[in-house]
Protein backbone atom coordinates (compact mmCIF):
# COMPACT_ATOMS: atom_id res chain seq x y z
CA MET A 1 -0.07 -0.11 0.07
CA ILE A 2 1.65 3.20 -0.83
CA ILE A 3 1.14 5.87 1.90
CA HIS A 4 2.35 9.05 -0.08
CA LYS A 5 0.33 8.64 -3.62
CA ASP A 6 0.76 12.30 -4.41
CA LEU A 7 4.28 11.75 -4.12
CA VAL A 8 5.23 8.97 -6.72
CA GLY A 9 7.52 9.77 -9.47
CA ASP A 10 7.89 13.21 -10.84
CA ARG A 11 7.19 15.04 -7.71
CA TRP A 12 9.40 13.26 -5.25
CA ASN A 13 12.18 13.03 -7.85
CA ASN A 14 12.07 16.83 -8.51
CA LEU A 15 13.09 17.18 -4.90
CA SER A 16 16.68 17.71 -4.41
CA ILE A 17 18.56 14.74 -2.31
CA ALA A 18 18.72 17.14 0.41
CA GLU A 19 14.75 17.68 0.58
CA GLN A 20 14.12 14.17 -0.18
CA MET A 21 16.34 13.12 2.98
CA ALA A 22 15.03 15.90 5.19
CA ASN A 23 11.40 14.86 4.60
CA VAL A 24 12.48 11.30 5.30
CA GLY A 25 13.77 12.55 8.63
CA CYS A 26 10.67 14.27 9.89
CA ASP A 27 9.00 10.85 9.92
CA VAL A 28 12.02 9.36 11.62
CA GLU A 29 11.83 11.90 14.05
CA ARG A 30 7.87 11.59 14.54
CA ALA A 31 8.67 7.63 15.09
CA ILE A 32 11.31 8.15 17.58
CA ARG A 33 8.92 10.85 19.59
CA TRP A 34 5.90 8.29 19.53
CA ARG A 35 7.88 5.57 20.44
CA ASN A 36 9.35 7.24 23.37
CA LYS A 37 6.04 8.63 24.32
CA GLY A 38 4.94 5.00 24.54
CA ASN A 39 2.20 5.50 21.28
CA LEU A 40 3.49 2.55 19.41
CA GLU A 41 0.65 2.98 16.69
CA TYR A 42 1.63 6.47 15.76
CA SER A 43 5.19 5.38 16.19
CA ARG A 44 4.70 2.49 13.75
CA ASN A 45 2.86 4.77 11.17
CA ALA A 46 5.42 7.26 10.91
CA PHE A 47 8.07 4.36 10.77
CA GLU A 48 6.14 3.22 7.71
CA ARG A 49 6.08 6.54 6.21
CA ALA A 50 9.70 7.36 6.55
CA LEU A 51 10.23 3.98 5.26
CA GLU A 52 8.26 4.46 2.10
CA LEU A 53 10.09 8.06 1.48
CA LEU A 54 13.45 6.03 2.05
CA MET A 55 12.27 3.74 -0.78
CA PHE A 56 11.00 6.54 -3.41
CA THR A 57 14.60 8.18 -2.70
CA ILE A 58 16.27 4.96 -3.45
CA ALA A 59 14.02 4.55 -6.56
CA ASP A 60 15.27 8.16 -7.40
CA PRO A 61 17.41 7.74 -10.89
CA LYS A 62 19.64 10.79 -9.96
CA ASN A 63 20.57 9.08 -6.57
CA LYS A 64 21.99 6.16 -8.20
CA LYS A 65 25.70 7.23 -6.91
CA ARG A 66 24.22 7.46 -3.44
CA LEU A 67 22.39 3.59 -3.37
CA LYS A 68 25.23 2.13 -1.23
CA GLU A 69 24.33 4.76 1.63
CA LEU A 70 20.93 4.69 1.13
CA CYS A 71 20.47 1.12 1.29
CA ARG A 72 22.58 1.00 3.98
CA LEU A 73 20.43 3.41 5.83
CA LYS A 74 17.13 1.47 5.13
CA GLU A 75 18.65 -1.67 6.74
CA VAL A 76 20.16 -0.15 9.75
CA TRP A 77 16.45 1.96 10.12
CA VAL A 78 14.67 -1.40 9.73
CA ASP A 79 17.08 -3.33 12.13
CA TYR A 80 17.00 -0.45 14.66
CA PHE A 81 13.23 0.00 14.89
CA PHE A 82 11.76 -3.42 14.59
CA GLY A 83 15.06 -5.69 14.47
CA ASN A 84 17.60 -6.58 17.45
CA ASN A 85 19.56 -3.26 16.65
CA GLN A 86 22.65 -5.56 15.94
CA TYR A 87 24.47 -2.34 14.77
CA SER A 88 24.02 -0.57 17.88
CA PHE A 89 22.46 2.48 16.50
CA THR A 90 20.61 4.99 18.79
CA ASP A 91 17.71 7.99 18.48
CA GLU A 92 20.26 10.44 18.92
CA PHE A 93 22.41 8.93 15.72
CA PHE A 94 19.25 8.96 13.65
CA GLN A 95 18.59 12.63 14.67
CA LYS A 96 21.70 13.71 14.08
CA TYR A 97 22.34 12.18 10.67
CA PHE A 98 19.05 13.63 9.46
CA ILE A 99 19.21 17.20 10.91
CA ASN A 100 22.21 17.86 8.33
CA PHE A 101 19.84 17.42 5.46
CA ASN A 102 17.37 20.03 6.84
CA TYR A 103 20.19 22.50 7.17
CA MET A 104 21.18 21.50 3.56
CA ALA A 105 17.76 21.89 2.14
CA ALA A 106 17.71 25.25 3.82
CA LEU A 107 20.39 26.53 2.44
CA GLU A 108 19.05 25.48 -1.06
CA LYS A 109 16.37 27.70 -0.39
CA GLY A 110 18.36 30.62 0.76
CA LYS A 111 16.92 30.51 4.30
């Protein structure tokens, strides 16, 4: 099931990698916050939205040279959230990782 039907294809692909990853990061942040507040339903929904946006980013042809990092990110995100966290990632890692994309996207827009 596609959650972000309005973003499939050109609309998502027209965003820069910084904008794409900043959007992924928003749902990652929501997933973490809701999980920490004990709302597992909202947390899971945000996790699924983040994963879908990450999959759109992986499918975007302009990101072909970034596939290794993007696929690895997908792997550790899923493992961190629903696996055994075998790579020992933390909330703080994901928050710091994605805040950089927010900054880059803001710079691109001249803010």
